[in-house]
Amino acid sequence: MHSLFHFAFHVTNLDAARRFYGNVLGCREGRSSDTWVDFDFFSHQISLHLGAPFKTELTGQVGQHLVPMPHFGVVLALPDWQALAERLQAAKIEFVFAPQIRFKGEPGEQWTMFFCDPFGNPIEIKGFRSLDALYAV
């Protein structure tokens, strides 16, 4: 079964959301109203609604790091991940965790970066040489 993921969450300003998700991340805008806007988030649908964003904390233990919880993101092929990392660095995005490799030489070796949208919603972008390694143990 192949399916697409849908995630709806809060932002406090739709114009700022359009600038970040559309201009910085390069997501194509979909339908919208005065209170929400949809984006094609790397072939998945996100719906940004006006409201108070999630409360987040650095409570997710991953290796030696605490990562922001809750968070969402996407898994990309490594060349796409590298291009996005360069795009974010050029846009001077402040990273929670700068682009880096994690689990080097182990099953599930991956590149990762964490950053927040302008409303504090944490986003993780992972990169893999082969997407088949996503669930490697």
C-alpha atoms as a PDB file:
ATOM      1  CA  MET A   1       0.000   0.000   0.000  1.00  0.00           C
ATOM      2  CA  HIS A   2       1.330   3.428  -0.908  1.00  0.00           C
ATOM      3  CA  SER A   3      -0.174   6.413   0.849  1.00  0.00           C
ATOM      4  CA  LEU A   4       0.439  10.062   1.567  1.00  0.00           C
ATOM      5  CA  PHE A   5       0.704  11.586   5.023  1.00  0.00           C
ATOM      6  CA  HIS A   6      -1.429  14.497   6.226  1.00  0.00           C
ATOM      7  CA  PHE A   7      -0.483  16.614   9.242  1.00  0.00           C
ATOM      8  CA  ALA A   8      -2.397  19.666  10.490  1.00  0.00           C
ATOM      9  CA  PHE A   9      -0.914  22.012  13.079  1.00  0.00           C
ATOM     10  CA  HIS A  10      -1.040  25.573  14.317  1.00  0.00           C
ATOM     11  CA  VAL A  11       0.814  28.700  13.250  1.00  0.00           C
ATOM     12  CA  THR A  12       0.181  32.278  14.351  1.00  0.00           C
ATOM     13  CA  ASN A  13       0.544  34.083  11.005  1.00  0.00           C
ATOM     14  CA  LEU A  14      -0.351  32.733   7.568  1.00  0.00           C
ATOM     15  CA  ASP A  15       1.752  35.270   5.656  1.00  0.00           C
ATOM     16  CA  ALA A  16       4.863  34.315   7.644  1.00  0.00           C
ATOM     17  CA  ALA A  17       3.973  30.656   7.127  1.00  0.00           C
ATOM     18  CA  ARG A  18       3.745  31.207   3.367  1.00  0.00           C
ATOM     19  CA  ARG A  19       7.158  32.882   3.336  1.00  0.00           C
ATOM     20  CA  PHE A  20       8.793  30.090   5.343  1.00  0.00           C
ATOM     21  CA  TYR A  21       7.147  26.991   3.877  1.00  0.00           C
ATOM     22  CA  GLY A  22       6.790  28.409   0.364  1.00  0.00           C
ATOM     23  CA  ASN A  23       9.898  30.546  -0.121  1.00  0.00           C
ATOM     24  CA  VAL A  24      12.444  29.017   2.272  1.00  0.00           C
ATOM     25  CA  LEU A  25      11.494  25.334   2.097  1.00  0.00           C
ATOM     26  CA  GLY A  26      10.199  25.502  -1.468  1.00  0.00           C
ATOM     27  CA  CYS A  27       6.842  23.846  -0.742  1.00  0.00           C
ATOM     28  CA  ARG A  28       4.050  24.416  -3.254  1.00  0.00           C
ATOM     29  CA  GLU A  29       0.984  26.087  -1.784  1.00  0.00           C
ATOM     30  CA  GLY A  30      -2.375  24.374  -2.173  1.00  0.00           C
ATOM     31  CA  ARG A  31      -5.828  25.350  -1.016  1.00  0.00           C
ATOM     32  CA  SER A  32      -6.337  28.018   1.631  1.00  0.00           C
ATOM     33  CA  SER A  33      -8.860  30.154   3.451  1.00  0.00           C
ATOM     34  CA  ASP A  34      -8.621  33.081   5.862  1.00  0.00           C
ATOM     35  CA  THR A  35      -7.733  30.657   8.681  1.00  0.00           C
ATOM     36  CA  TRP A  36      -5.571  27.932   7.094  1.00  0.00           C
ATOM     37  CA  VAL A  37      -3.288  27.063   4.201  1.00  0.00           C
ATOM     38  CA  ASP A  38      -2.178  23.707   2.753  1.00  0.00           C
ATOM     39  CA  PHE A  39       1.287  22.936   1.424  1.00  0.00           C
ATOM     40  CA  ASP A  40       2.830  20.093  -0.527  1.00  0.00           C
ATOM     41  CA  PHE A  41       5.517  19.192   2.031  1.00  0.00           C
ATOM     42  CA  PHE A  42       7.831  16.956  -0.002  1.00  0.00           C
ATOM     43  CA  SER A  43       4.853  15.063  -1.507  1.00  0.00           C
ATOM     44  CA  HIS A  44       2.865  15.021   1.759  1.00  0.00           C
ATOM     45  CA  GLN A  45       0.098  17.369   2.820  1.00  0.00           C
ATOM     46  CA  ILE A  46       0.489  19.762   5.724  1.00  0.00           C
ATOM     47  CA  SER A  47      -2.328  22.077   6.794  1.00  0.00           C
ATOM     48  CA  LEU A  48      -1.339  25.152   8.765  1.00  0.00           C
ATOM     49  CA  HIS A  49      -4.194  26.554  10.835  1.00  0.00           C
ATOM     50  CA  LEU A  50      -4.242  29.752  12.859  1.00  0.00           C
ATOM     51  CA  GLY A  51      -3.853  28.971  16.555  1.00  0.00           C
ATOM     52  CA  ALA A  52      -1.367  28.346  19.360  1.00  0.00           C
ATOM     53  CA  PRO A  53       1.501  26.052  18.267  1.00  0.00           C
ATOM     54  CA  PHE A  54       2.370  22.863  20.186  1.00  0.00           C
ATOM     55  CA  LYS A  55       4.380  23.224  23.367  1.00  0.00           C
ATOM     56  CA  THR A  56       7.722  21.526  22.701  1.00  0.00           C
ATOM     57  CA  GLU A  57      10.618  20.414  24.891  1.00  0.00           C
ATOM     58  CA  LEU A  58      14.049  18.848  24.358  1.00  0.00           C
ATOM     59  CA  THR A  59      12.972  15.470  25.752  1.00  0.00           C
ATOM     60  CA  GLY A  60      13.533  12.967  22.918  1.00  0.00           C
ATOM     61  CA  GLN A  61      16.688  10.938  23.682  1.00  0.00           C
ATOM     62  CA  VAL A  62      18.445   9.995  20.422  1.00  0.00           C
ATOM     63  CA  GLY A  63      21.975   8.759  20.939  1.00  0.00           C
ATOM     64  CA  GLN A  64      23.816  11.459  22.886  1.00  0.00           C
ATOM     65  CA  HIS A  65      21.298  14.196  22.053  1.00  0.00           C
ATOM     66  CA  LEU A  66      17.966  15.439  23.329  1.00  0.00           C
ATOM     67  CA  VAL A  67      15.748  16.397  20.413  1.00  0.00           C
ATOM     68  CA  PRO A  68      12.623  18.584  20.422  1.00  0.00           C
ATOM     69  CA  MET A  69       9.375  16.745  21.062  1.00  0.00           C
ATOM     70  CA  PRO A  70       6.966  16.640  19.436  1.00  0.00           C
ATOM     71  CA  HIS A  71       8.434  17.217  15.981  1.00  0.00           C
ATOM     72  CA  PHE A  72       7.686  16.224  12.404  1.00  0.00           C
ATOM     73  CA  GLY A  73       9.678  16.000   9.239  1.00  0.00           C
ATOM     74  CA  VAL A  74      10.506  14.060   6.150  1.00  0.00           C
ATOM     75  CA  VAL A  75      13.039  11.505   4.936  1.00  0.00           C
ATOM     76  CA  LEU A  76      14.881  12.373   1.715  1.00  0.00           C
ATOM     77  CA  ALA A  77      17.391  10.706  -0.551  1.00  0.00           C
ATOM     78  CA  LEU A  78      20.823  12.039   0.394  1.00  0.00           C
ATOM     79  CA  PRO A  79      21.325  14.310  -2.669  1.00  0.00           C
ATOM     80  CA  ASP A  80      17.963  16.002  -1.979  1.00  0.00           C
ATOM     81  CA  TRP A  81      18.834  16.309   1.724  1.00  0.00           C
ATOM     82  CA  GLN A  82      22.173  17.934   0.850  1.00  0.00           C
ATOM     83  CA  ALA A  83      20.498  20.417  -1.514  1.00  0.00           C
ATOM     84  CA  LEU A  84      17.958  21.360   1.164  1.00  0.00           C
ATOM     85  CA  ALA A  85      20.683  21.726   3.814  1.00  0.00           C
ATOM     86  CA  GLU A  86      22.530  24.134   1.507  1.00  0.00           C
ATOM     87  CA  ARG A  87      19.300  26.056   0.825  1.00  0.00           C
ATOM     88  CA  LEU A  88      18.583  26.416   4.562  1.00  0.00           C
ATOM     89  CA  GLN A  89      22.153  27.476   5.340  1.00  0.00           C
ATOM     90  CA  ALA A  90      22.004  30.080   2.551  1.00  0.00           C
ATOM     91  CA  ALA A  91      18.733  31.371   4.052  1.00  0.00           C
ATOM     92  CA  LYS A  92      20.543  31.699   7.424  1.00  0.00           C
ATOM     93  CA  ILE A  93      18.079  29.393   9.189  1.00  0.00           C
ATOM     94  CA  GLU A  94      18.942  28.928  12.870  1.00  0.00           C
ATOM     95  CA  PHE A  95      19.352  25.202  13.487  1.00  0.00           C
ATOM     96  CA  VAL A  96      18.476  23.315  16.661  1.00  0.00           C
ATOM     97  CA  PHE A  97      20.958  20.720  15.328  1.00  0.00           C
ATOM     98  CA  ALA A  98      23.007  21.746  12.325  1.00  0.00           C
ATOM     99  CA  PRO A  99      23.234  19.333   9.394  1.00  0.00           C
ATOM    100  CA  GLN A 100      25.230  16.308  10.551  1.00  0.00           C
ATOM    101  CA  ILE A 101      25.649  12.566  10.202  1.00  0.00           C
ATOM    102  CA  ARG A 102      24.300  10.283  12.905  1.00  0.00           C
ATOM    103  CA  PHE A 103      24.878   6.563  13.545  1.00  0.00           C
ATOM    104  CA  LYS A 104      27.905   6.672  11.220  1.00  0.00           C
ATOM    105  CA  GLY A 105      28.922   3.205  10.064  1.00  0.00           C
ATOM    106  CA  GLU A 106      25.944   1.605  11.831  1.00  0.00           C
ATOM    107  CA  PRO A 107      22.697   0.228  10.447  1.00  0.00           C
ATOM    108  CA  GLY A 108      20.444   3.207   9.911  1.00  0.00           C
ATOM    109  CA  GLU A 109      23.302   5.625   9.203  1.00  0.00           C
ATOM    110  CA  GLN A 110      21.624   8.925   8.419  1.00  0.00           C
ATOM    111  CA  TRP A 111      22.130  12.613   7.940  1.00  0.00           C
ATOM    112  CA  THR A 112      19.880  14.843   9.989  1.00  0.00           C
ATOM    113  CA  MET A 113      19.099  18.456  10.755  1.00  0.00           C
ATOM    114  CA  PHE A 114      16.611  20.052  13.130  1.00  0.00           C
ATOM    115  CA  PHE A 115      15.228  23.583  12.869  1.00  0.00           C
ATOM    116  CA  CYS A 116      12.010  25.350  13.797  1.00  0.00           C
ATOM    117  CA  ASP A 117       9.530  27.203  11.676  1.00  0.00           C
ATOM    118  CA  PRO A 118       8.886  30.846  12.670  1.00  0.00           C
ATOM    119  CA  PHE A 119       6.287  29.646  15.190  1.00  0.00           C
ATOM    120  CA  GLY A 120       8.536  27.238  17.087  1.00  0.00           C
ATOM    121  CA  ASN A 121       7.290  24.044  15.417  1.00  0.00           C
ATOM    122  CA  PRO A 122      10.341  21.705  15.278  1.00  0.00           C
ATOM    123  CA  ILE A 123      11.121  20.026  11.970  1.00  0.00           C
ATOM    124  CA  GLU A 124      13.598  17.207  11.370  1.00  0.00           C
ATOM    125  CA  ILE A 125      14.842  16.389   7.891  1.00  0.00           C
ATOM    126  CA  LYS A 126      16.651  13.064   7.495  1.00  0.00           C
ATOM    127  CA  GLY A 127      18.766  11.944   4.567  1.00  0.00           C
ATOM    128  CA  PHE A 128      19.732   8.397   3.591  1.00  0.00           C
ATOM    129  CA  ARG A 129      22.027   7.020   0.905  1.00  0.00           C
ATOM    130  CA  SER A 130      19.317   4.390   0.380  1.00  0.00           C
ATOM    131  CA  LEU A 131      15.786   4.780   1.682  1.00  0.00           C
ATOM    132  CA  ASP A 132      15.844   1.001   2.253  1.00  0.00           C
ATOM    133  CA  ALA A 133      18.074   1.738   5.296  1.00  0.00           C
ATOM    134  CA  LEU A 134      15.349   3.723   7.053  1.00  0.00           C
ATOM    135  CA  TYR A 135      14.270   0.789   9.226  1.00  0.00           C
ATOM    136  CA  ALA A 136      17.650  -0.984   9.385  1.00  0.00           C
ATOM    137  CA  VAL A 137      18.444  -2.655  12.704  1.00  0.00           C
END
